[in-house]
């Protein structure tokens, strides 16, 4: 290690404590090793702080909003305080709504149900399926993958200027790619959208855990993100932003909590007055613990300081990218090039290796958990691999056997809880697998590559 690298390593903060940091797993070659969780882009481990906060609250859990008992009142205050904490975390405008959902996917499907009937939606083919697919009932224009941030802005501007008829429009864009980790020019895309009379929703699932997200600074109309990528478990998510389309839309779910008043009509039916607050789209008993865990994670990340967290993550990104660059057989996937700013998400392919086989060997022989496949971003990965857009593929592993070529890639991802040792072990493992090959035999079972017994 050079003097400058050593100084850089000492200048960054220690990883935040997360659950599972001491879990050991068996190796197929014998013995055990501490598990290296390098699949943060799928689900990040829960922060210890979040788990402790939830455990302290759990005995006091009660149903919210209409209960007269002490625990219900306490839980209601906690739930609504969580909403305010998220609003502060996202730097919401005074009249924005914060709606608790199940995930980013749920949030964007909710918004898709709320857009005006004649709304035209613009979305790049590079999006995760959570933001690519919910607009099936709208008029959708799918934009080709740009190769520079400026090209992304220019592509959007042309599409918006050419739309016919000129009516309501919505742009959906990611903040950070779940495949390449590259940051998108959100502020510039928002300016382009608004200049052409369109609104914009930001998929911040991969951005919010790594960088501060300000609705006001980015000037976006809505933000969606998931708790399970923000170091908060329990199946929770957020949609935050402008209230008008949400209030004008029929509730996402019909039921208790969304309804303010229900009466019988003279014709025998029922008449419903729906809430005009966030409750309009939160029918049923809400996931109080999930909302509280998101709020806890928001506080923990804010208190740790994003400047410090970003510096540490960039330190890890440099370790991984420099390590992979030393292996000629490895090709890192990128839209915007090596110098593009990015979060801790890196996808790559290895010459001569089936991606599922490589990922299985990392797990079985080194105790390293990564992801292989198309990462629920099929058009983007196919574009990056230079394949036919119509080629079949799955979100998970291919049917190809070890050694056979597959239309898939390998993704390593990390964040605030990742120790240096995990990424160092990963880089060493890649080098050894490419140089020496796998130490074990593997076979395909139910579409996945697994160690042969």
Protein backbone atom coordinates (compact mmCIF):
# COMPACT_ATOMS: atom_id res chain seq x y z
CA UNK A 1 0.00 0.00 0.00
CA UNK A 2 1.36 3.42 -0.95
CA UNK A 3 1.74 6.26 1.56
CA UNK A 4 -1.10 8.19 -0.11
CA UNK A 5 -3.38 5.16 -0.08
CA UNK A 6 -2.60 4.49 3.59
CA UNK A 7 -3.33 8.10 4.46
CA UNK A 8 -6.59 7.94 2.55
CA UNK A 9 -7.62 4.76 4.38
CA UNK A 10 -6.93 6.40 7.74
CA UNK A 11 -8.94 9.51 6.82
CA UNK A 12 -12.24 7.73 6.27
CA UNK A 13 -14.65 6.64 8.98
CA UNK A 14 -15.13 3.14 10.30
CA UNK A 15 -18.07 1.16 8.89
CA UNK A 16 -21.39 1.65 10.66
CA UNK A 17 -22.40 -1.34 12.81
CA UNK A 18 -24.85 -3.61 10.99
CA UNK A 19 -26.57 -6.87 11.80
CA UNK A 20 -24.79 -9.97 10.54
CA UNK A 21 -21.31 -8.46 10.63
CA UNK A 22 -20.01 -11.43 12.67
CA UNK A 23 -21.97 -14.22 10.97
CA UNK A 24 -19.79 -17.11 9.83
CA UNK A 25 -20.63 -19.42 6.92
CA UNK A 26 -19.20 -22.81 5.88
CA UNK A 27 -16.90 -23.14 2.88
CA UNK A 28 -17.30 -26.05 0.51
CA UNK A 29 -13.55 -26.58 0.72
CA UNK A 30 -13.73 -26.91 4.51
CA UNK A 31 -13.80 -24.58 7.49
CA UNK A 32 -15.76 -21.38 8.05
CA UNK A 33 -15.26 -17.70 7.32
CA UNK A 34 -16.97 -14.46 8.29
CA UNK A 35 -19.60 -13.77 5.64
CA UNK A 36 -18.82 -10.88 3.29
CA UNK A 37 -22.21 -9.39 2.39
CA UNK A 38 -21.59 -7.60 -0.91
CA UNK A 39 -25.16 -7.50 -2.21
CA UNK A 40 -26.27 -4.18 -0.70
CA UNK A 41 -27.99 -3.12 -3.92
CA UNK A 42 -30.55 -5.90 -3.41
CA UNK A 43 -31.03 -5.54 0.35
CA UNK A 44 -28.66 -3.81 2.73
CA UNK A 45 -28.18 -5.29 6.20
CA UNK A 46 -30.07 -3.51 8.95
CA UNK A 47 -28.12 -0.96 10.94
CA UNK A 48 -27.62 -2.06 14.53
CA UNK A 49 -29.03 1.33 15.56
CA UNK A 50 -32.24 0.61 13.65
CA UNK A 51 -32.60 -2.85 15.16
CA UNK A 52 -32.03 -1.51 18.67
CA UNK A 53 -34.61 1.24 18.19
CA UNK A 54 -37.20 -1.22 16.90
CA UNK A 55 -36.49 -3.68 19.72
CA UNK A 56 -36.97 -0.92 22.30
CA UNK A 57 -40.32 0.06 20.77
CA UNK A 58 -41.68 -3.44 20.06
CA UNK A 59 -43.24 -4.05 23.53
CA UNK A 60 -45.21 -0.83 23.11
CA UNK A 61 -46.62 -1.64 19.68
CA UNK A 62 -50.28 -0.80 19.12
CA UNK A 63 -52.67 -0.16 16.23
CA UNK A 64 -52.53 3.44 15.10
CA UNK A 65 -54.85 6.41 14.55
CA UNK A 66 -58.13 5.34 16.17
CA UNK A 67 -57.15 3.51 19.33
CA UNK A 68 -57.92 5.19 22.66
CA UNK A 69 -55.44 3.13 24.66
CA UNK A 70 -51.99 4.32 25.67
CA UNK A 71 -50.10 1.98 23.33
CA UNK A 72 -52.23 3.01 20.36
CA UNK A 73 -51.68 6.67 21.14
CA UNK A 74 -47.95 6.09 21.55
CA UNK A 75 -47.76 4.17 18.27
CA UNK A 76 -49.74 6.86 16.45
CA UNK A 77 -47.32 9.53 17.63
CA UNK A 78 -44.37 7.37 16.62
CA UNK A 79 -45.88 6.69 13.17
CA UNK A 80 -46.60 10.34 12.42
CA UNK A 81 -43.25 11.45 13.83
CA UNK A 82 -41.65 8.95 11.43
CA UNK A 83 -43.44 10.73 8.59
CA UNK A 84 -42.00 14.06 9.71
CA UNK A 85 -38.52 12.56 10.03
CA UNK A 86 -38.68 11.28 6.44
CA UNK A 87 -39.90 14.68 5.25
CA UNK A 88 -36.87 16.28 6.90
CA UNK A 89 -34.52 13.63 5.48
CA UNK A 90 -35.80 14.36 1.95
CA UNK A 91 -35.97 18.14 2.50
CA UNK A 92 -39.63 18.13 1.43
CA UNK A 93 -41.58 21.27 0.61
CA UNK A 94 -44.11 22.45 3.18
CA UNK A 95 -47.11 21.10 1.26
CA UNK A 96 -45.58 17.80 0.12
CA UNK A 97 -47.10 14.51 1.25
CA UNK A 98 -45.11 11.58 2.63
CA UNK A 99 -46.87 8.27 2.02
CA UNK A 100 -45.63 5.02 3.52
CA UNK A 101 -45.71 2.10 1.09
CA UNK A 102 -44.20 -1.39 0.88
CA UNK A 103 -41.25 -0.54 -1.41
CA UNK A 104 -40.06 1.59 -4.32
CA UNK A 105 -42.03 -0.70 -6.63
CA UNK A 106 -45.18 -0.11 -4.59
CA UNK A 107 -44.54 3.65 -4.51
CA UNK A 108 -44.18 3.97 -8.27
CA UNK A 109 -47.21 1.79 -8.93
CA UNK A 110 -49.16 4.06 -6.58
CA UNK A 111 -48.05 7.11 -8.54
CA UNK A 112 -48.88 5.36 -11.82
CA UNK A 113 -52.44 4.96 -10.54
CA UNK A 114 -52.58 8.67 -9.67
CA UNK A 115 -51.39 10.32 -12.89
CA UNK A 116 -54.00 12.12 -15.04
CA UNK A 117 -55.76 9.96 -17.59
CA UNK A 118 -54.18 11.79 -20.54
CA UNK A 119 -50.68 11.89 -19.05
CA UNK A 120 -47.73 10.84 -21.21
CA UNK A 121 -44.84 9.13 -19.41
CA UNK A 122 -41.19 9.28 -20.47
CA UNK A 123 -38.75 6.71 -19.11
CA UNK A 124 -35.29 5.59 -20.17
CA UNK A 125 -34.77 1.93 -21.03
CA UNK A 126 -32.00 1.96 -18.42
CA UNK A 127 -34.42 1.91 -15.49
CA UNK A 128 -34.95 -0.88 -12.98
CA UNK A 129 -38.19 -2.70 -13.69
CA UNK A 130 -39.73 -1.01 -10.63
CA UNK A 131 -39.65 2.28 -12.54
CA UNK A 132 -39.77 0.88 -16.08
CA UNK A 133 -42.97 -1.16 -15.88
CA UNK A 134 -45.68 0.50 -13.71
CA UNK A 135 -46.85 2.81 -16.52
CA UNK A 136 -48.53 0.15 -18.67
CA UNK A 137 -51.92 1.91 -18.60
CA UNK A 138 -50.42 5.24 -19.72
CA UNK A 139 -49.00 6.47 -23.01
CA UNK A 140 -45.34 5.61 -22.53
CA UNK A 141 -42.32 6.75 -24.51
CA UNK A 142 -39.27 4.60 -23.82
CA UNK A 143 -36.01 6.45 -24.41
CA UNK A 144 -32.82 4.75 -25.59
CA UNK A 145 -29.88 4.40 -23.23
CA UNK A 146 -27.70 7.54 -23.29
CA UNK A 147 -23.93 7.27 -23.25
CA UNK A 148 -23.24 10.53 -21.42
CA UNK A 149 -25.18 12.56 -18.84
CA UNK A 150 -25.49 15.39 -21.36
CA UNK A 151 -26.91 13.00 -23.94
CA UNK A 152 -29.52 11.94 -21.37
CA UNK A 153 -30.66 15.54 -20.95
CA UNK A 154 -30.68 16.21 -24.70
CA UNK A 155 -32.62 12.99 -25.41
CA UNK A 156 -35.27 13.93 -22.87
CA UNK A 157 -35.53 17.51 -24.14
CA UNK A 158 -36.14 16.32 -27.71
CA UNK A 159 -38.74 13.78 -26.65
CA UNK A 160 -40.65 16.29 -24.53
CA UNK A 161 -40.55 18.96 -27.23
CA UNK A 162 -41.90 16.54 -29.84
CA UNK A 163 -44.76 15.14 -27.78
CA UNK A 164 -48.21 15.34 -29.32
CA UNK A 165 -50.65 16.30 -27.99
CA UNK A 166 -48.99 18.73 -25.60
CA UNK A 167 -50.64 17.70 -22.32
CA UNK A 168 -49.60 16.54 -18.87
CA UNK A 169 -46.37 14.57 -18.83
CA UNK A 170 -44.27 12.71 -16.29
CA UNK A 171 -40.60 11.77 -16.46
CA UNK A 172 -39.35 8.84 -14.38
CA UNK A 173 -35.62 8.56 -13.79
CA UNK A 174 -33.24 6.80 -11.45
CA UNK A 175 -30.81 8.67 -9.22
CA UNK A 176 -28.15 5.95 -9.28
CA UNK A 177 -28.16 2.89 -11.50
CA UNK A 178 -28.71 -0.44 -9.78
CA UNK A 179 -26.45 -2.01 -12.45
CA UNK A 180 -23.53 0.39 -12.92
CA UNK A 181 -23.84 2.55 -9.80
CA UNK A 182 -23.49 5.65 -11.98
CA UNK A 183 -25.16 8.85 -10.83
CA UNK A 184 -27.67 10.38 -13.22
CA UNK A 185 -27.97 14.15 -13.86
CA UNK A 186 -31.20 14.44 -11.89
CA UNK A 187 -31.13 18.21 -11.38
CA UNK A 188 -30.57 18.84 -15.09
CA UNK A 189 -33.25 16.34 -16.10
CA UNK A 190 -35.69 17.99 -13.71
CA UNK A 191 -34.93 21.39 -15.24
CA UNK A 192 -35.53 19.98 -18.72
CA UNK A 193 -38.80 18.38 -17.64
CA UNK A 194 -40.13 21.54 -16.02
CA UNK A 195 -39.04 23.70 -18.97
CA UNK A 196 -41.33 21.57 -21.16
CA UNK A 197 -44.27 21.52 -18.73
CA UNK A 198 -43.62 18.01 -17.41
CA UNK A 199 -43.21 16.65 -13.90
CA UNK A 200 -40.52 14.25 -12.72
CA UNK A 201 -40.34 11.40 -10.22
CA UNK A 202 -36.99 10.23 -8.88
CA UNK A 203 -36.36 6.56 -8.17
CA UNK A 204 -33.96 7.02 -5.26
CA UNK A 205 -33.79 3.37 -4.20
CA UNK A 206 -30.04 3.22 -4.93
CA UNK A 207 -29.31 6.90 -4.29
CA UNK A 208 -30.82 7.57 -0.86
CA UNK A 209 -28.64 5.03 1.03
CA UNK A 210 -25.45 6.60 -0.38
CA UNK A 211 -26.04 10.32 -0.94
CA UNK A 212 -28.28 13.04 0.51
CA UNK A 213 -31.51 13.47 -1.44
CA UNK A 214 -33.15 16.91 -1.36
CA UNK A 215 -36.45 17.29 -3.16
CA UNK A 216 -35.98 21.04 -3.16
CA UNK A 217 -32.36 21.11 -4.31
CA UNK A 218 -32.94 18.56 -7.08
CA UNK A 219 -36.29 20.23 -7.85
CA UNK A 220 -38.10 16.94 -8.42
CA UNK A 221 -41.83 16.49 -7.96
CA UNK A 222 -41.72 13.10 -6.24
CA UNK A 223 -39.16 10.77 -4.68
CA UNK A 224 -39.58 7.02 -4.13
CA UNK A 225 -37.28 4.75 -2.13
CA UNK A 226 -37.24 1.48 -0.16
CA UNK A 227 -36.42 0.85 3.48
CA UNK A 228 -34.66 -2.44 2.82
CA UNK A 229 -31.96 -0.66 0.81
CA UNK A 230 -31.67 2.09 3.45
CA UNK A 231 -30.54 -0.29 6.21
CA UNK A 232 -34.13 -0.67 7.48
CA UNK A 233 -35.94 -4.03 7.31
CA UNK A 234 -39.69 -4.88 7.51
CA UNK A 235 -40.95 -4.29 3.97
CA UNK A 236 -41.45 -0.54 3.95
CA UNK A 237 -41.05 2.24 1.42
CA UNK A 238 -41.84 5.90 0.76
CA UNK A 239 -43.45 8.04 -1.89
CA UNK A 240 -42.99 11.73 -1.12
CA UNK A 241 -43.88 14.80 -3.13
CA UNK A 242 -46.61 16.97 -4.58
CA UNK A 243 -50.11 16.36 -3.24
CA UNK A 244 -52.39 17.52 -6.07
CA UNK A 245 -52.31 14.42 -8.33
CA UNK A 246 -52.42 12.16 -5.27
CA UNK A 247 -55.45 13.93 -3.79
CA UNK A 248 -57.27 13.96 -7.13
CA UNK A 249 -56.78 10.22 -7.69
CA UNK A 250 -58.90 7.41 -6.39
CA UNK A 251 -57.26 5.70 -3.39
CA UNK A 252 -54.55 3.20 -4.29
CA UNK A 253 -56.36 0.73 -2.00
CA UNK A 254 -59.96 1.05 -0.82
CA UNK A 255 -60.57 0.35 2.83
CA UNK A 256 -60.35 1.54 6.40
CA UNK A 257 -58.00 4.40 7.07
CA UNK A 258 -58.33 5.81 3.55
CA UNK A 259 -62.01 6.65 4.10
CA UNK A 260 -63.01 9.70 6.14
CA UNK A 261 -66.78 9.10 6.04
CA UNK A 262 -68.94 6.26 4.69
CA UNK A 263 -72.75 6.47 4.53
CA UNK A 264 -75.57 4.49 2.98
CA UNK A 265 -77.27 6.01 -0.05
CA UNK A 266 -80.98 5.94 -0.70
CA UNK A 267 -80.42 3.49 -3.55
CA UNK A 268 -78.92 1.02 -1.11
CA UNK A 269 -75.28 1.58 -1.99
CA UNK A 270 -72.61 3.43 -0.04
CA UNK A 271 -71.16 6.91 -0.44
CA UNK A 272 -67.53 7.49 0.52
CA UNK A 273 -65.59 10.61 1.37
CA UNK A 274 -61.89 9.87 1.12
CA UNK A 275 -59.14 11.54 3.10
CA UNK A 276 -57.12 14.21 1.32
CA UNK A 277 -54.02 13.57 3.43
CA UNK A 278 -51.45 10.81 2.98
CA UNK A 279 -53.97 8.47 4.64
CA UNK A 280 -55.90 8.47 1.33
CA UNK A 281 -53.36 5.98 -0.04
CA UNK A 282 -52.55 4.12 3.19
CA UNK A 283 -55.65 1.96 3.61
CA UNK A 284 -55.52 -0.86 6.12
CA UNK A 285 -53.35 -1.23 9.20
CA UNK A 286 -50.02 0.37 8.33
CA UNK A 287 -46.59 -1.15 8.80
CA UNK A 288 -45.77 0.94 11.87
CA UNK A 289 -42.53 -0.88 12.64
CA UNK A 290 -41.45 -0.55 9.01
CA UNK A 291 -42.12 3.20 9.04
CA UNK A 292 -40.31 3.57 12.35
CA UNK A 293 -37.32 1.61 11.04
CA UNK A 294 -37.07 3.93 8.01
CA UNK A 295 -37.15 6.97 10.29
CA UNK A 296 -34.48 5.43 12.50
CA UNK A 297 -32.26 4.78 9.49
CA UNK A 298 -32.79 8.34 8.23
CA UNK A 299 -31.66 9.69 11.60
CA UNK A 300 -28.67 7.35 11.78
CA UNK A 301 -27.39 8.28 8.33
CA UNK A 302 -27.94 11.98 8.94
CA UNK A 303 -26.09 11.85 12.25
CA UNK A 304 -23.21 9.87 10.74
CA UNK A 305 -22.90 12.57 8.09
CA UNK A 306 -23.18 11.91 4.37
CA UNK A 307 -19.89 13.68 3.65
CA UNK A 308 -18.12 11.13 5.83
CA UNK A 309 -20.11 8.18 4.48
CA UNK A 310 -19.51 9.20 0.86
CA UNK A 311 -15.77 9.56 1.50
CA UNK A 312 -15.59 6.06 2.94
CA UNK A 313 -17.63 4.58 0.10
CA UNK A 314 -15.43 6.24 -2.52
CA UNK A 315 -12.45 4.69 -0.75
CA UNK A 316 -14.06 1.24 -1.17
CA UNK A 317 -15.08 1.92 -4.78
CA UNK A 318 -11.48 2.79 -5.62
CA UNK A 319 -10.25 -0.44 -3.99
CA UNK A 320 -12.64 -2.57 -6.02
CA UNK A 321 -12.25 -0.81 -9.36
CA UNK A 322 -8.45 -0.71 -9.14
CA UNK A 323 -8.37 -4.36 -8.09
CA UNK A 324 -10.61 -5.48 -10.96
CA UNK A 325 -8.63 -3.36 -13.43
CA UNK A 326 -5.61 -5.53 -12.69
CA UNK A 327 -7.44 -8.61 -14.03
CA UNK A 328 -7.52 -8.37 -17.87
CA UNK A 329 -10.31 -10.94 -18.14
CA UNK A 330 -12.70 -8.69 -16.20
CA UNK A 331 -14.83 -6.09 -17.98
CA UNK A 332 -16.67 -3.55 -15.82
CA UNK A 333 -20.02 -2.44 -17.26
CA UNK A 334 -20.60 1.29 -17.65
CA UNK A 335 -22.80 3.73 -19.55
CA UNK A 336 -21.00 6.99 -18.81
CA UNK A 337 -17.37 5.84 -18.60
CA UNK A 338 -14.72 5.30 -15.95
CA UNK A 339 -14.75 8.88 -14.68
CA UNK A 340 -18.50 9.01 -14.00
CA UNK A 341 -19.44 9.62 -10.35
CA UNK A 342 -21.01 6.54 -8.84
CA UNK A 343 -22.18 4.76 -5.70
CA UNK A 344 -20.94 1.40 -4.45
CA UNK A 345 -22.56 -0.73 -7.16
CA UNK A 346 -20.30 -2.36 -9.77
CA UNK A 347 -21.31 -4.95 -12.37
CA UNK A 348 -18.89 -6.89 -14.52
CA UNK A 349 -18.37 -9.97 -16.67
CA UNK A 350 -15.40 -12.34 -16.75
CA UNK A 351 -14.09 -13.79 -19.99
CA UNK A 352 -14.44 -17.56 -20.07
CA UNK A 353 -16.83 -17.70 -17.13
CA UNK A 354 -20.56 -18.19 -16.82
CA UNK A 355 -21.67 -15.45 -14.41
CA UNK A 356 -23.70 -17.83 -12.25
CA UNK A 357 -20.72 -20.17 -11.97
CA UNK A 358 -18.44 -17.31 -10.92
CA UNK A 359 -20.89 -16.01 -8.30
CA UNK A 360 -21.42 -19.53 -6.94
CA UNK A 361 -17.67 -20.02 -6.55
CA UNK A 362 -17.31 -16.69 -4.73
CA UNK A 363 -19.93 -17.85 -2.26
CA UNK A 364 -18.97 -21.49 -1.82
CA UNK A 365 -15.19 -21.09 -1.76
CA UNK A 366 -14.73 -17.60 -0.26
CA UNK A 367 -17.88 -16.82 1.73
CA UNK A 368 -18.67 -13.80 -0.44
CA UNK A 369 -22.27 -12.96 -1.34
CA UNK A 370 -22.76 -11.13 -4.66
CA UNK A 371 -25.55 -11.19 -7.24
CA UNK A 372 -25.60 -12.52 -10.79
CA UNK A 373 -28.20 -12.12 -13.51
CA UNK A 374 -29.89 -9.19 -15.21
CA UNK A 375 -30.70 -7.41 -11.94
CA UNK A 376 -34.32 -6.67 -12.94
CA UNK A 377 -32.97 -4.21 -15.50
CA UNK A 378 -33.06 -6.41 -18.58
CA UNK A 379 -32.89 -3.77 -21.36
CA UNK A 380 -29.98 -1.99 -19.66
CA UNK A 381 -27.87 -5.11 -19.09
CA UNK A 382 -28.52 -6.30 -22.63
CA UNK A 383 -27.41 -2.90 -23.93
CA UNK A 384 -24.25 -3.00 -21.84
CA UNK A 385 -23.46 -6.54 -22.98
CA UNK A 386 -24.10 -5.66 -26.60
CA UNK A 387 -26.75 -8.34 -27.03
CA UNK A 388 -29.94 -8.48 -29.05
CA UNK A 389 -32.65 -6.56 -27.14
CA UNK A 390 -35.07 -9.42 -27.82
CA UNK A 391 -32.84 -12.11 -26.29
CA UNK A 392 -34.57 -13.95 -23.48
CA UNK A 393 -33.25 -13.70 -19.93
CA UNK A 394 -34.34 -13.82 -16.32
CA UNK A 395 -33.89 -11.58 -13.28
CA UNK A 396 -32.03 -14.42 -11.61
CA UNK A 397 -29.44 -16.88 -12.84
CA UNK A 398 -29.39 -18.32 -16.37
CA UNK A 399 -30.01 -21.89 -17.41
CA UNK A 400 -26.46 -22.10 -18.75
CA UNK A 401 -24.18 -24.67 -17.17
CA UNK A 402 -20.76 -23.83 -15.72
CA UNK A 403 -18.39 -22.80 -18.51
CA UNK A 404 -21.21 -21.94 -20.94
CA UNK A 405 -21.72 -18.35 -22.00
CA UNK A 406 -24.73 -16.62 -20.43
CA UNK A 407 -26.56 -13.36 -20.97
CA UNK A 408 -25.86 -12.23 -17.41
CA UNK A 409 -23.41 -10.28 -15.32
CA UNK A 410 -22.03 -10.27 -11.78
CA UNK A 411 -22.79 -7.40 -9.39
CA UNK A 412 -20.85 -6.47 -6.27
CA UNK A 413 -22.38 -3.77 -4.05
CA UNK A 414 -21.53 -2.30 -0.69
CA UNK A 415 -22.17 0.65 1.59
CA UNK A 416 -21.95 2.17 5.04
CA UNK A 417 -21.57 -1.16 6.84
CA UNK A 418 -18.91 -2.72 4.62
CA UNK A 419 -15.45 -3.26 6.18
CA UNK A 420 -12.30 -3.01 4.04
CA UNK A 421 -11.61 -6.69 4.55
CA UNK A 422 -14.72 -7.70 2.64
CA UNK A 423 -13.80 -5.84 -0.54
CA UNK A 424 -10.15 -6.88 -0.21
CA UNK A 425 -11.19 -10.54 0.04
CA UNK A 426 -13.44 -10.06 -2.97
CA UNK A 427 -10.64 -8.65 -5.14
CA UNK A 428 -8.29 -11.47 -4.12
CA UNK A 429 -10.99 -14.06 -4.83
CA UNK A 430 -11.63 -12.67 -8.33
CA UNK A 431 -7.94 -12.77 -9.12
CA UNK A 432 -7.54 -16.32 -7.83
CA UNK A 433 -10.60 -17.67 -9.62
CA UNK A 434 -9.52 -16.17 -12.93
CA UNK A 435 -5.91 -17.32 -12.52
CA UNK A 436 -6.34 -20.74 -10.92
CA UNK A 437 -9.98 -21.66 -11.64
CA UNK A 438 -12.53 -22.98 -9.17
CA UNK A 439 -11.40 -25.50 -6.59
CA UNK A 440 -14.73 -27.33 -6.67
CA UNK A 441 -17.05 -28.85 -9.25
CA UNK A 442 -20.41 -27.15 -9.89
CA UNK A 443 -23.67 -28.13 -11.55
CA UNK A 444 -26.90 -26.38 -12.57
CA UNK A 445 -29.93 -26.99 -10.35
CA UNK A 446 -33.27 -25.23 -10.80
CA UNK A 447 -31.58 -22.58 -12.94
CA UNK A 448 -28.81 -21.85 -10.44
CA UNK A 449 -25.21 -22.95 -10.37
CA UNK A 450 -24.48 -24.84 -7.13
CA UNK A 451 -21.58 -26.89 -5.76
CA UNK A 452 -21.74 -30.51 -6.82
CA UNK A 453 -22.09 -32.86 -3.88
